[in-house]
Amino acid sequence: MPTTVRVLLTLVVLAAAGFLSYDMASYYLYSPWTRDARIRADVVAVAPDVQGYITDLRVHNDQFVHKGDILFVIDQERYKLELAVAEAAVVQSIASRELAILNLKRTEVRAAVNGFVTNLNLAQGTYASPSKPVLALIDSDSYRVDAYFEETKIPQIKVGSPVDIRLLNGSHALQGKVESIARGITDYDNHDGPELLANVNPTFTWVRLAQRIPVRIRLTDIPADVLISSGMTCTVTLKDGAKPEIGASAKRLMAAIWPTSGATASFSAPAPSTSSTHIANFKNSSATGEGQRKLEGRDPE
């Protein structure tokens, strides 16, 4: 094989490898996808409004409950006595009686939302105090995904864009839509000083890592056979513009060298040559002269 051919083949292979590497690097840096995403849900801390010993625990760990279900009951004896005293004392105000009725009703602690009782460490005989959480309830209607995208990918993310969500356990894909994009994150390099002045970090590293911006995703389709749990890891890929465009850099280079509009115009509408123009002008002038002689009644001979 001649040396010239080998050199040309080598240059072609190197150019193709360079374009491919550039496209893959652009896809990795700017395409809207991330493996740093978590399943999230609201946790409702259940705390009683009255104090007393828990005499009846009506749920077990990981049980699903509906809004309004009784979770546990606090000892009602003293509150029944208070209600009896309030009813017997005619001189007491109506407000005292209503308060006693309300306290007796609040001994039955009910679920505020639909969801799952999780990490239950409560047992009968535990003393419950007002406003002190004793039980965690996962809101089943609040499951969502919090994805953390690098700031270089944020311009390609739009509210309402459809996303594909794949859990780390390999189950079927979930579907969702971008609900919101966070407008601020904590700056770890700039804390207020003791005099409320900016505490600027005096060192600056040349290697700058892209910040990760939280993007909240609303789940729109969860397969029936897929179990999701708050805290699961997943990979989020936006369906719009998330695929690598192989050859995109080469196309841009070709378009810069040979503009499409100019090339198309030159091939579709070629300019007439000088000789063709002269011939057409001669024919037109001849036809015009012959017609003029006919109008004057002269024989062309």
C-alpha atoms as a PDB file:
ATOM      1  CA  MET A   1       0.000   0.000   0.000  1.00  0.00           C
ATOM      2  CA  PRO A   2       1.431   3.393  -0.950  1.00  0.00           C
ATOM      3  CA  THR A   3       2.578   5.694   1.799  1.00  0.00           C
ATOM      4  CA  THR A   4       0.128   8.416   0.773  1.00  0.00           C
ATOM      5  CA  VAL A   5      -2.845   6.067   1.158  1.00  0.00           C
ATOM      6  CA  ARG A   6      -1.681   4.915   4.575  1.00  0.00           C
ATOM      7  CA  VAL A   7      -1.254   8.500   5.732  1.00  0.00           C
ATOM      8  CA  LEU A   8      -4.720   9.460   4.459  1.00  0.00           C
ATOM      9  CA  LEU A   9      -6.341   6.456   6.132  1.00  0.00           C
ATOM     10  CA  THR A  10      -4.579   7.298   9.388  1.00  0.00           C
ATOM     11  CA  LEU A  11      -5.774  10.903   9.211  1.00  0.00           C
ATOM     12  CA  VAL A  12      -9.341   9.778   8.483  1.00  0.00           C
ATOM     13  CA  VAL A  13      -9.332   7.380  11.448  1.00  0.00           C
ATOM     14  CA  LEU A  14      -7.867  10.023  13.756  1.00  0.00           C
ATOM     15  CA  ALA A  15     -10.435  12.609  12.615  1.00  0.00           C
ATOM     16  CA  ALA A  16     -13.304  10.157  13.123  1.00  0.00           C
ATOM     17  CA  ALA A  17     -11.999   9.244  16.583  1.00  0.00           C
ATOM     18  CA  GLY A  18     -11.665  12.922  17.472  1.00  0.00           C
ATOM     19  CA  PHE A  19     -15.194  13.764  16.360  1.00  0.00           C
ATOM     20  CA  LEU A  20     -16.604  10.718  18.192  1.00  0.00           C
ATOM     21  CA  SER A  21     -14.726  11.600  21.383  1.00  0.00           C
ATOM     22  CA  TYR A  22     -15.966  15.184  21.211  1.00  0.00           C
ATOM     23  CA  ASP A  23     -19.593  14.071  20.725  1.00  0.00           C
ATOM     24  CA  MET A  24     -19.433  11.617  23.629  1.00  0.00           C
ATOM     25  CA  ALA A  25     -17.810  14.224  25.877  1.00  0.00           C
ATOM     26  CA  SER A  26     -20.512  16.739  24.945  1.00  0.00           C
ATOM     27  CA  TYR A  27     -23.192  14.156  25.707  1.00  0.00           C
ATOM     28  CA  TYR A  28     -21.690  13.377  29.110  1.00  0.00           C
ATOM     29  CA  LEU A  29     -21.211  17.043  30.061  1.00  0.00           C
ATOM     30  CA  TYR A  30     -24.330  18.707  28.676  1.00  0.00           C
ATOM     31  CA  SER A  31     -27.009  16.074  28.056  1.00  0.00           C
ATOM     32  CA  PRO A  32     -29.808  16.247  30.703  1.00  0.00           C
ATOM     33  CA  TRP A  33     -29.363  12.982  32.618  1.00  0.00           C
ATOM     34  CA  THR A  34     -28.104  12.127  36.096  1.00  0.00           C
ATOM     35  CA  ARG A  35     -27.561   9.100  38.323  1.00  0.00           C
ATOM     36  CA  ASP A  36     -27.755  11.263  41.433  1.00  0.00           C
ATOM     37  CA  ALA A  37     -31.496  11.074  42.153  1.00  0.00           C
ATOM     38  CA  ARG A  38     -33.544   9.946  45.142  1.00  0.00           C
ATOM     39  CA  ILE A  39     -37.131   8.899  45.743  1.00  0.00           C
ATOM     40  CA  ARG A  40     -38.698  11.234  48.292  1.00  0.00           C
ATOM     41  CA  ALA A  41     -41.940  11.366  50.280  1.00  0.00           C
ATOM     42  CA  ASP A  42     -43.358  13.515  53.063  1.00  0.00           C
ATOM     43  CA  VAL A  43     -42.933  12.169  56.586  1.00  0.00           C
ATOM     44  CA  VAL A  44     -45.694  13.139  58.988  1.00  0.00           C
ATOM     45  CA  ALA A  45     -44.615  13.074  62.627  1.00  0.00           C
ATOM     46  CA  VAL A  46     -47.570  11.957  64.718  1.00  0.00           C
ATOM     47  CA  ALA A  47     -47.747  13.512  68.191  1.00  0.00           C
ATOM     48  CA  PRO A  48     -50.666  13.405  70.647  1.00  0.00           C
ATOM     49  CA  ASP A  49     -52.433  16.539  71.776  1.00  0.00           C
ATOM     50  CA  VAL A  50     -52.977  15.179  75.308  1.00  0.00           C
ATOM     51  CA  GLN A  51     -50.731  13.269  77.656  1.00  0.00           C
ATOM     52  CA  GLY A  52     -51.076   9.860  79.218  1.00  0.00           C
ATOM     53  CA  TYR A  53     -50.126   6.207  78.886  1.00  0.00           C
ATOM     54  CA  ILE A  54     -50.858   4.481  75.577  1.00  0.00           C
ATOM     55  CA  THR A  55     -53.323   1.712  76.384  1.00  0.00           C
ATOM     56  CA  ASP A  56     -54.246   0.555  72.869  1.00  0.00           C
ATOM     57  CA  LEU A  57     -51.834   0.428  69.883  1.00  0.00           C
ATOM     58  CA  ARG A  58     -53.848  -0.347  66.739  1.00  0.00           C
ATOM     59  CA  VAL A  59     -51.141  -0.405  64.022  1.00  0.00           C
ATOM     60  CA  HIS A  60     -48.081  -2.502  63.271  1.00  0.00           C
ATOM     61  CA  ASN A  61     -44.848  -1.732  61.450  1.00  0.00           C
ATOM     62  CA  ASP A  62     -45.125  -0.941  57.699  1.00  0.00           C
ATOM     63  CA  GLN A  63     -48.923  -1.064  57.826  1.00  0.00           C
ATOM     64  CA  PHE A  64     -50.880   1.095  55.383  1.00  0.00           C
ATOM     65  CA  VAL A  65     -53.449   3.333  57.046  1.00  0.00           C
ATOM     66  CA  HIS A  66     -56.092   5.697  55.707  1.00  0.00           C
ATOM     67  CA  LYS A  67     -56.635   9.249  56.754  1.00  0.00           C
ATOM     68  CA  GLY A  68     -58.721   9.282  59.918  1.00  0.00           C
ATOM     69  CA  ASP A  69     -57.805   5.762  61.114  1.00  0.00           C
ATOM     70  CA  ILE A  70     -57.073   5.435  64.838  1.00  0.00           C
ATOM     71  CA  LEU A  71     -53.367   4.766  65.388  1.00  0.00           C
ATOM     72  CA  PHE A  72     -53.291   4.430  69.175  1.00  0.00           C
ATOM     73  CA  VAL A  73     -55.409   5.336  72.182  1.00  0.00           C
ATOM     74  CA  ILE A  74     -54.235   7.123  75.335  1.00  0.00           C
ATOM     75  CA  ASP A  75     -55.594   6.185  78.757  1.00  0.00           C
ATOM     76  CA  GLN A  76     -59.091   7.676  78.886  1.00  0.00           C
ATOM     77  CA  GLU A  77     -59.963   7.169  82.564  1.00  0.00           C
ATOM     78  CA  ARG A  78     -58.823  10.535  83.873  1.00  0.00           C
ATOM     79  CA  TYR A  79     -60.406  12.347  80.962  1.00  0.00           C
ATOM     80  CA  LYS A  80     -63.680  10.577  81.568  1.00  0.00           C
ATOM     81  CA  LEU A  81     -63.515  11.738  85.171  1.00  0.00           C
ATOM     82  CA  GLU A  82     -62.786  15.282  84.061  1.00  0.00           C
ATOM     83  CA  LEU A  83     -65.785  15.138  81.772  1.00  0.00           C
ATOM     84  CA  ALA A  84     -67.963  13.848  84.605  1.00  0.00           C
ATOM     85  CA  VAL A  85     -66.782  16.640  86.924  1.00  0.00           C
ATOM     86  CA  ALA A  86     -67.443  19.218  84.229  1.00  0.00           C
ATOM     87  CA  GLU A  87     -70.946  17.902  83.649  1.00  0.00           C
ATOM     88  CA  ALA A  88     -71.727  17.721  87.379  1.00  0.00           C
ATOM     89  CA  ALA A  89     -70.531  21.207  88.169  1.00  0.00           C
ATOM     90  CA  VAL A  90     -73.435  23.327  87.062  1.00  0.00           C
ATOM     91  CA  VAL A  91     -71.618  26.527  87.867  1.00  0.00           C
ATOM     92  CA  GLN A  92     -68.804  25.784  85.496  1.00  0.00           C
ATOM     93  CA  SER A  93     -68.853  27.430  82.155  1.00  0.00           C
ATOM     94  CA  ILE A  94     -69.812  25.731  78.937  1.00  0.00           C
ATOM     95  CA  ALA A  95     -66.272  26.254  77.708  1.00  0.00           C
ATOM     96  CA  SER A  96     -64.825  23.970  80.400  1.00  0.00           C
ATOM     97  CA  ARG A  97     -67.220  21.209  79.406  1.00  0.00           C
ATOM     98  CA  GLU A  98     -66.384  21.598  75.725  1.00  0.00           C
ATOM     99  CA  LEU A  99     -62.675  21.499  76.538  1.00  0.00           C
ATOM    100  CA  ALA A 100     -63.126  18.286  78.489  1.00  0.00           C
ATOM    101  CA  ILE A 101     -65.043  16.746  75.580  1.00  0.00           C
ATOM    102  CA  LEU A 102     -62.293  17.813  73.179  1.00  0.00           C
ATOM    103  CA  ASN A 103     -59.520  16.371  75.360  1.00  0.00           C
ATOM    104  CA  LEU A 104     -61.385  13.080  75.607  1.00  0.00           C
ATOM    105  CA  LYS A 105     -61.750  12.996  71.824  1.00  0.00           C
ATOM    106  CA  ARG A 106     -58.059  13.739  71.328  1.00  0.00           C
ATOM    107  CA  THR A 107     -57.068  10.613  73.244  1.00  0.00           C
ATOM    108  CA  GLU A 108     -57.702   8.788  69.965  1.00  0.00           C
ATOM    109  CA  VAL A 109     -54.795   9.810  67.735  1.00  0.00           C
ATOM    110  CA  ARG A 110     -55.766   9.451  64.057  1.00  0.00           C
ATOM    111  CA  ALA A 111     -53.777   9.403  60.835  1.00  0.00           C
ATOM    112  CA  ALA A 112     -53.587  12.832  59.206  1.00  0.00           C
ATOM    113  CA  VAL A 113     -52.798  11.444  55.713  1.00  0.00           C
ATOM    114  CA  ASN A 114     -52.925   8.210  53.733  1.00  0.00           C
ATOM    115  CA  GLY A 115     -49.686   6.320  54.043  1.00  0.00           C
ATOM    116  CA  PHE A 116     -47.499   3.742  55.700  1.00  0.00           C
ATOM    117  CA  VAL A 117     -46.504   3.492  59.345  1.00  0.00           C
ATOM    118  CA  THR A 118     -42.730   3.008  59.277  1.00  0.00           C
ATOM    119  CA  ASN A 119     -39.990   2.298  61.807  1.00  0.00           C
ATOM    120  CA  LEU A 120     -42.552   1.722  64.538  1.00  0.00           C
ATOM    121  CA  ASN A 121     -40.870   1.628  67.948  1.00  0.00           C
ATOM    122  CA  LEU A 122     -43.999   2.366  69.973  1.00  0.00           C
ATOM    123  CA  ALA A 123     -45.491  -0.081  72.432  1.00  0.00           C
ATOM    124  CA  GLN A 124     -48.423  -0.132  74.792  1.00  0.00           C
ATOM    125  CA  GLY A 125     -47.500   1.382  78.126  1.00  0.00           C
ATOM    126  CA  THR A 126     -45.337   4.114  76.600  1.00  0.00           C
ATOM    127  CA  TYR A 127     -46.082   7.519  78.082  1.00  0.00           C
ATOM    128  CA  ALA A 128     -47.045  10.085  75.436  1.00  0.00           C
ATOM    129  CA  SER A 129     -46.516  13.801  75.942  1.00  0.00           C
ATOM    130  CA  PRO A 130     -48.230  16.600  74.013  1.00  0.00           C
ATOM    131  CA  SER A 131     -46.440  17.766  70.843  1.00  0.00           C
ATOM    132  CA  LYS A 132     -43.716  15.097  71.143  1.00  0.00           C
ATOM    133  CA  PRO A 133     -43.639  12.851  68.025  1.00  0.00           C
ATOM    134  CA  VAL A 134     -43.913   9.144  68.787  1.00  0.00           C
ATOM    135  CA  LEU A 135     -44.686   7.706  65.356  1.00  0.00           C
ATOM    136  CA  ALA A 136     -43.678   8.310  61.689  1.00  0.00           C
ATOM    137  CA  LEU A 137     -46.179   8.098  58.833  1.00  0.00           C
ATOM    138  CA  ILE A 138     -45.062   8.119  55.161  1.00  0.00           C
ATOM    139  CA  ASP A 139     -47.548  10.031  53.000  1.00  0.00           C
ATOM    140  CA  SER A 140     -48.288   7.643  50.111  1.00  0.00           C
ATOM    141  CA  ASP A 141     -49.634  10.490  47.969  1.00  0.00           C
ATOM    142  CA  SER A 142     -46.402  12.501  48.114  1.00  0.00           C
ATOM    143  CA  TYR A 143     -43.879  10.202  46.420  1.00  0.00           C
ATOM    144  CA  ARG A 144     -41.645  12.149  44.054  1.00  0.00           C
ATOM    145  CA  VAL A 145     -38.067  12.220  42.759  1.00  0.00           C
ATOM    146  CA  ASP A 146     -35.446  14.796  43.672  1.00  0.00           C
ATOM    147  CA  ALA A 147     -32.774  14.698  40.959  1.00  0.00           C
ATOM    148  CA  TYR A 148     -29.527  16.633  41.208  1.00  0.00           C
ATOM    149  CA  PHE A 149     -28.295  17.839  37.803  1.00  0.00           C
ATOM    150  CA  GLU A 150     -24.992  19.523  37.122  1.00  0.00           C
ATOM    151  CA  GLU A 151     -25.391  23.215  36.409  1.00  0.00           C
ATOM    152  CA  THR A 152     -24.092  22.732  32.858  1.00  0.00           C
ATOM    153  CA  LYS A 153     -27.196  20.646  32.077  1.00  0.00           C
ATOM    154  CA  ILE A 154     -29.802  22.971  33.584  1.00  0.00           C
ATOM    155  CA  PRO A 155     -30.334  25.058  30.375  1.00  0.00           C
ATOM    156  CA  GLN A 156     -31.742  21.958  28.646  1.00  0.00           C
ATOM    157  CA  ILE A 157     -34.237  21.182  31.431  1.00  0.00           C
ATOM    158  CA  LYS A 158     -37.697  22.714  31.158  1.00  0.00           C
ATOM    159  CA  VAL A 159     -40.653  22.522  33.530  1.00  0.00           C
ATOM    160  CA  GLY A 160     -43.120  19.954  32.206  1.00  0.00           C
ATOM    161  CA  SER A 161     -40.535  17.924  30.270  1.00  0.00           C
ATOM    162  CA  PRO A 162     -41.152  14.149  30.404  1.00  0.00           C
ATOM    163  CA  VAL A 163     -38.511  12.019  32.112  1.00  0.00           C
ATOM    164  CA  ASP A 164     -37.624   8.352  32.307  1.00  0.00           C
ATOM    165  CA  ILE A 165     -36.793   7.043  35.797  1.00  0.00           C
ATOM    166  CA  ARG A 166     -34.953   3.777  36.373  1.00  0.00           C
ATOM    167  CA  LEU A 167     -34.413   2.445  39.880  1.00  0.00           C
ATOM    168  CA  LEU A 168     -31.106   0.900  40.906  1.00  0.00           C
ATOM    169  CA  ASN A 169     -32.811  -2.445  41.601  1.00  0.00           C
ATOM    170  CA  GLY A 170     -33.476  -2.969  37.875  1.00  0.00           C
ATOM    171  CA  SER A 171     -37.275  -2.928  37.997  1.00  0.00           C
ATOM    172  CA  HIS A 172     -39.512  -1.481  35.278  1.00  0.00           C
ATOM    173  CA  ALA A 173     -39.028   2.164  34.387  1.00  0.00           C
ATOM    174  CA  LEU A 174     -41.132   4.878  36.020  1.00  0.00           C
ATOM    175  CA  GLN A 175     -42.437   7.920  34.185  1.00  0.00           C
ATOM    176  CA  GLY A 176     -42.569  11.491  35.432  1.00  0.00           C
ATOM    177  CA  LYS A 177     -42.497  15.163  34.556  1.00  0.00           C
ATOM    178  CA  VAL A 178     -40.263  18.008  35.705  1.00  0.00           C
ATOM    179  CA  GLU A 179     -42.247  19.917  38.316  1.00  0.00           C
ATOM    180  CA  SER A 180     -39.775  22.580  39.444  1.00  0.00           C
ATOM    181  CA  ILE A 181     -36.121  23.618  39.405  1.00  0.00           C
ATOM    182  CA  ALA A 182     -34.496  24.883  42.598  1.00  0.00           C
ATOM    183  CA  ARG A 183     -33.557  28.565  42.541  1.00  0.00           C
ATOM    184  CA  GLY A 184     -30.853  28.398  45.187  1.00  0.00           C
ATOM    185  CA  ILE A 185     -28.426  26.110  47.019  1.00  0.00           C
ATOM    186  CA  THR A 186     -26.137  26.640  49.993  1.00  0.00           C
ATOM    187  CA  ASP A 187     -22.768  28.253  49.299  1.00  0.00           C
ATOM    188  CA  TYR A 188     -20.307  26.363  51.478  1.00  0.00           C
ATOM    189  CA  ASP A 189     -17.471  28.754  50.644  1.00  0.00           C
ATOM    190  CA  ASN A 190     -19.231  31.894  51.851  1.00  0.00           C
ATOM    191  CA  HIS A 191     -20.477  31.975  55.428  1.00  0.00           C
ATOM    192  CA  ASP A 192     -21.242  35.085  57.403  1.00  0.00           C
ATOM    193  CA  GLY A 193     -18.409  36.107  59.698  1.00  0.00           C
ATOM    194  CA  PRO A 194     -18.721  37.062  63.372  1.00  0.00           C
ATOM    195  CA  GLU A 195     -19.477  40.672  62.393  1.00  0.00           C
ATOM    196  CA  LEU A 196     -22.065  39.685  59.736  1.00  0.00           C
ATOM    197  CA  LEU A 197     -19.502  40.339  57.008  1.00  0.00           C
ATOM    198  CA  ALA A 198     -18.845  38.015  54.100  1.00  0.00           C
ATOM    199  CA  ASN A 199     -16.367  35.300  55.071  1.00  0.00           C
ATOM    200  CA  VAL A 200     -14.674  34.719  51.705  1.00  0.00           C
ATOM    201  CA  ASN A 201     -12.451  31.682  51.227  1.00  0.00           C
ATOM    202  CA  PRO A 202      -8.927  33.045  50.483  1.00  0.00           C
ATOM    203  CA  THR A 203      -7.957  29.972  48.425  1.00  0.00           C
ATOM    204  CA  PHE A 204      -9.201  29.213  44.916  1.00  0.00           C
ATOM    205  CA  THR A 205      -8.719  25.912  43.161  1.00  0.00           C
ATOM    206  CA  TRP A 206      -8.185  25.790  39.412  1.00  0.00           C
ATOM    207  CA  VAL A 207     -10.261  22.621  39.126  1.00  0.00           C
ATOM    208  CA  ARG A 208     -13.844  23.815  39.456  1.00  0.00           C
ATOM    209  CA  LEU A 209     -16.534  21.199  39.914  1.00  0.00           C
ATOM    210  CA  ALA A 210     -20.005  21.901  38.544  1.00  0.00           C
ATOM    211  CA  GLN A 211     -22.579  22.521  41.242  1.00  0.00           C
ATOM    212  CA  ARG A 212     -25.580  20.188  41.410  1.00  0.00           C
ATOM    213  CA  ILE A 213     -29.000  21.842  41.246  1.00  0.00           C
ATOM    214  CA  PRO A 214     -32.043  20.024  42.695  1.00  0.00           C
ATOM    215  CA  VAL A 215     -34.831  19.321  40.208  1.00  0.00           C
ATOM    216  CA  ARG A 216     -38.152  18.023  41.556  1.00  0.00           C
ATOM    217  CA  ILE A 217     -39.938  15.447  39.399  1.00  0.00           C
ATOM    218  CA  ARG A 218     -43.584  14.447  39.787  1.00  0.00           C
ATOM    219  CA  LEU A 219     -44.274  10.749  39.241  1.00  0.00           C
ATOM    220  CA  THR A 220     -46.978  10.210  36.608  1.00  0.00           C
ATOM    221  CA  ASP A 221     -46.816   6.448  36.017  1.00  0.00           C
ATOM    222  CA  ILE A 222     -45.740   3.823  38.556  1.00  0.00           C
ATOM    223  CA  PRO A 223     -46.074   0.194  37.390  1.00  0.00           C
ATOM    224  CA  ALA A 224     -48.205  -1.941  39.678  1.00  0.00           C
ATOM    225  CA  ASP A 225     -45.396  -4.456  40.277  1.00  0.00           C
ATOM    226  CA  VAL A 226     -42.829  -1.825  41.278  1.00  0.00           C
ATOM    227  CA  LEU A 227     -42.349  -1.059  44.975  1.00  0.00           C
ATOM    228  CA  ILE A 228     -40.902   2.368  45.702  1.00  0.00           C
ATOM    229  CA  SER A 229     -39.482   3.479  49.003  1.00  0.00           C
ATOM    230  CA  SER A 230     -38.391   6.927  50.081  1.00  0.00           C
ATOM    231  CA  GLY A 231     -34.613   7.136  49.802  1.00  0.00           C
ATOM    232  CA  MET A 232     -34.187   4.783  46.822  1.00  0.00           C
ATOM    233  CA  THR A 233     -31.502   5.625  44.268  1.00  0.00           C
ATOM    234  CA  CYS A 234     -32.505   6.061  40.639  1.00  0.00           C
ATOM    235  CA  THR A 235     -31.243   7.343  37.291  1.00  0.00           C
ATOM    236  CA  VAL A 236     -33.241  10.145  35.664  1.00  0.00           C
ATOM    237  CA  THR A 237     -33.078  10.801  31.923  1.00  0.00           C
ATOM    238  CA  LEU A 238     -34.968  13.550  30.123  1.00  0.00           C
ATOM    239  CA  LYS A 239     -36.612  12.202  26.988  1.00  0.00           C
ATOM    240  CA  ASP A 240     -35.962  15.427  25.095  1.00  0.00           C
ATOM    241  CA  GLY A 241     -32.319  15.809  24.075  1.00  0.00           C
ATOM    242  CA  ALA A 242     -30.868  13.066  26.265  1.00  0.00           C
ATOM    243  CA  LYS A 243     -29.499  10.835  23.493  1.00  0.00           C
ATOM    244  CA  PRO A 244     -25.948  11.289  22.203  1.00  0.00           C
ATOM    245  CA  GLU A 245     -25.809  12.814  18.709  1.00  0.00           C
ATOM    246  CA  ILE A 246     -23.066  10.870  16.991  1.00  0.00           C
ATOM    247  CA  GLY A 247     -21.553  12.931  14.189  1.00  0.00           C
ATOM    248  CA  ALA A 248     -23.052  16.223  15.337  1.00  0.00           C
ATOM    249  CA  SER A 249     -19.664  17.919  15.560  1.00  0.00           C
ATOM    250  CA  ALA A 250     -18.733  16.739  12.067  1.00  0.00           C
ATOM    251  CA  LYS A 251     -22.037  18.087  10.701  1.00  0.00           C
ATOM    252  CA  ARG A 252     -21.425  21.455  12.345  1.00  0.00           C
ATOM    253  CA  LEU A 253     -17.927  21.572  10.891  1.00  0.00           C
ATOM    254  CA  MET A 254     -19.188  20.743   7.391  1.00  0.00           C
ATOM    255  CA  ALA A 255     -21.940  23.333   7.714  1.00  0.00           C
ATOM    256  CA  ALA A 256     -19.371  25.958   8.705  1.00  0.00           C
ATOM    257  CA  ILE A 257     -17.130  25.149   5.737  1.00  0.00           C
ATOM    258  CA  TRP A 258     -19.915  24.692   3.159  1.00  0.00           C
ATOM    259  CA  PRO A 259     -23.055  26.573   4.184  1.00  0.00           C
ATOM    260  CA  THR A 260     -26.144  24.573   3.239  1.00  0.00           C
ATOM    261  CA  SER A 261     -28.129  27.533   1.904  1.00  0.00           C
ATOM    262  CA  GLY A 262     -25.380  28.735  -0.435  1.00  0.00           C
ATOM    263  CA  ALA A 263     -24.588  25.260  -1.741  1.00  0.00           C
ATOM    264  CA  THR A 264     -28.231  24.470  -2.378  1.00  0.00           C
ATOM    265  CA  ALA A 265     -28.756  27.734  -4.215  1.00  0.00           C
ATOM    266  CA  SER A 266     -25.675  27.226  -6.392  1.00  0.00           C
ATOM    267  CA  PHE A 267     -26.713  23.708  -7.431  1.00  0.00           C
ATOM    268  CA  SER A 268     -30.432  24.337  -7.803  1.00  0.00           C
ATOM    269  CA  ALA A 269     -30.185  27.573  -9.782  1.00  0.00           C
ATOM    270  CA  PRO A 270     -26.926  27.694 -11.803  1.00  0.00           C
ATOM    271  CA  ALA A 271     -26.042  31.049 -13.308  1.00  0.00           C
ATOM    272  CA  PRO A 272     -26.251  31.219 -17.123  1.00  0.00           C
ATOM    273  CA  SER A 273     -22.978  31.445 -19.005  1.00  0.00           C
ATOM    274  CA  THR A 274     -21.844  34.509 -20.969  1.00  0.00           C
ATOM    275  CA  SER A 275     -22.148  32.799 -24.380  1.00  0.00           C
ATOM    276  CA  SER A 276     -25.704  31.643 -23.628  1.00  0.00           C
ATOM    277  CA  THR A 277     -26.617  35.193 -22.677  1.00  0.00           C
ATOM    278  CA  HIS A 278     -25.242  36.575 -25.940  1.00  0.00           C
ATOM    279  CA  ILE A 279     -27.094  33.973 -28.009  1.00  0.00           C
ATOM    280  CA  ALA A 280     -30.390  34.700 -26.222  1.00  0.00           C
ATOM    281  CA  ASN A 281     -29.949  38.452 -26.757  1.00  0.00           C
ATOM    282  CA  PHE A 282     -29.174  37.908 -30.451  1.00  0.00           C
ATOM    283  CA  LYS A 283     -32.303  35.795 -30.928  1.00  0.00           C
ATOM    284  CA  ASN A 284     -34.465  38.376 -29.208  1.00  0.00           C
ATOM    285  CA  SER A 285     -33.062  41.201 -31.301  1.00  0.00           C
ATOM    286  CA  SER A 286     -33.515  39.209 -34.521  1.00  0.00           C
ATOM    287  CA  ALA A 287     -37.100  38.374 -33.667  1.00  0.00           C
ATOM    288  CA  THR A 288     -37.802  41.996 -32.845  1.00  0.00           C
ATOM    289  CA  GLY A 289     -36.309  43.243 -36.148  1.00  0.00           C
ATOM    290  CA  GLU A 290     -38.273  40.732 -38.238  1.00  0.00           C
ATOM    291  CA  GLY A 291     -41.528  41.712 -36.568  1.00  0.00           C
ATOM    292  CA  GLN A 292     -40.823  45.384 -37.149  1.00  0.00           C
ATOM    293  CA  ARG A 293     -40.295  44.817 -40.887  1.00  0.00           C
ATOM    294  CA  LYS A 294     -43.568  42.900 -41.139  1.00  0.00           C
ATOM    295  CA  LEU A 295     -45.400  45.800 -39.557  1.00  0.00           C
ATOM    296  CA  GLU A 296     -43.876  48.215 -42.077  1.00  0.00           C
ATOM    297  CA  GLY A 297     -44.912  45.950 -45.023  1.00  0.00           C
ATOM    298  CA  ARG A 298     -41.327  45.333 -46.173  1.00  0.00           C
ATOM    299  CA  ASP A 299     -40.131  42.018 -47.471  1.00  0.00           C
ATOM    300  CA  PRO A 300     -37.215  40.694 -45.484  1.00  0.00           C
ATOM    301  CA  GLU A 301     -35.520  39.729 -48.769  1.00  0.00           C
END
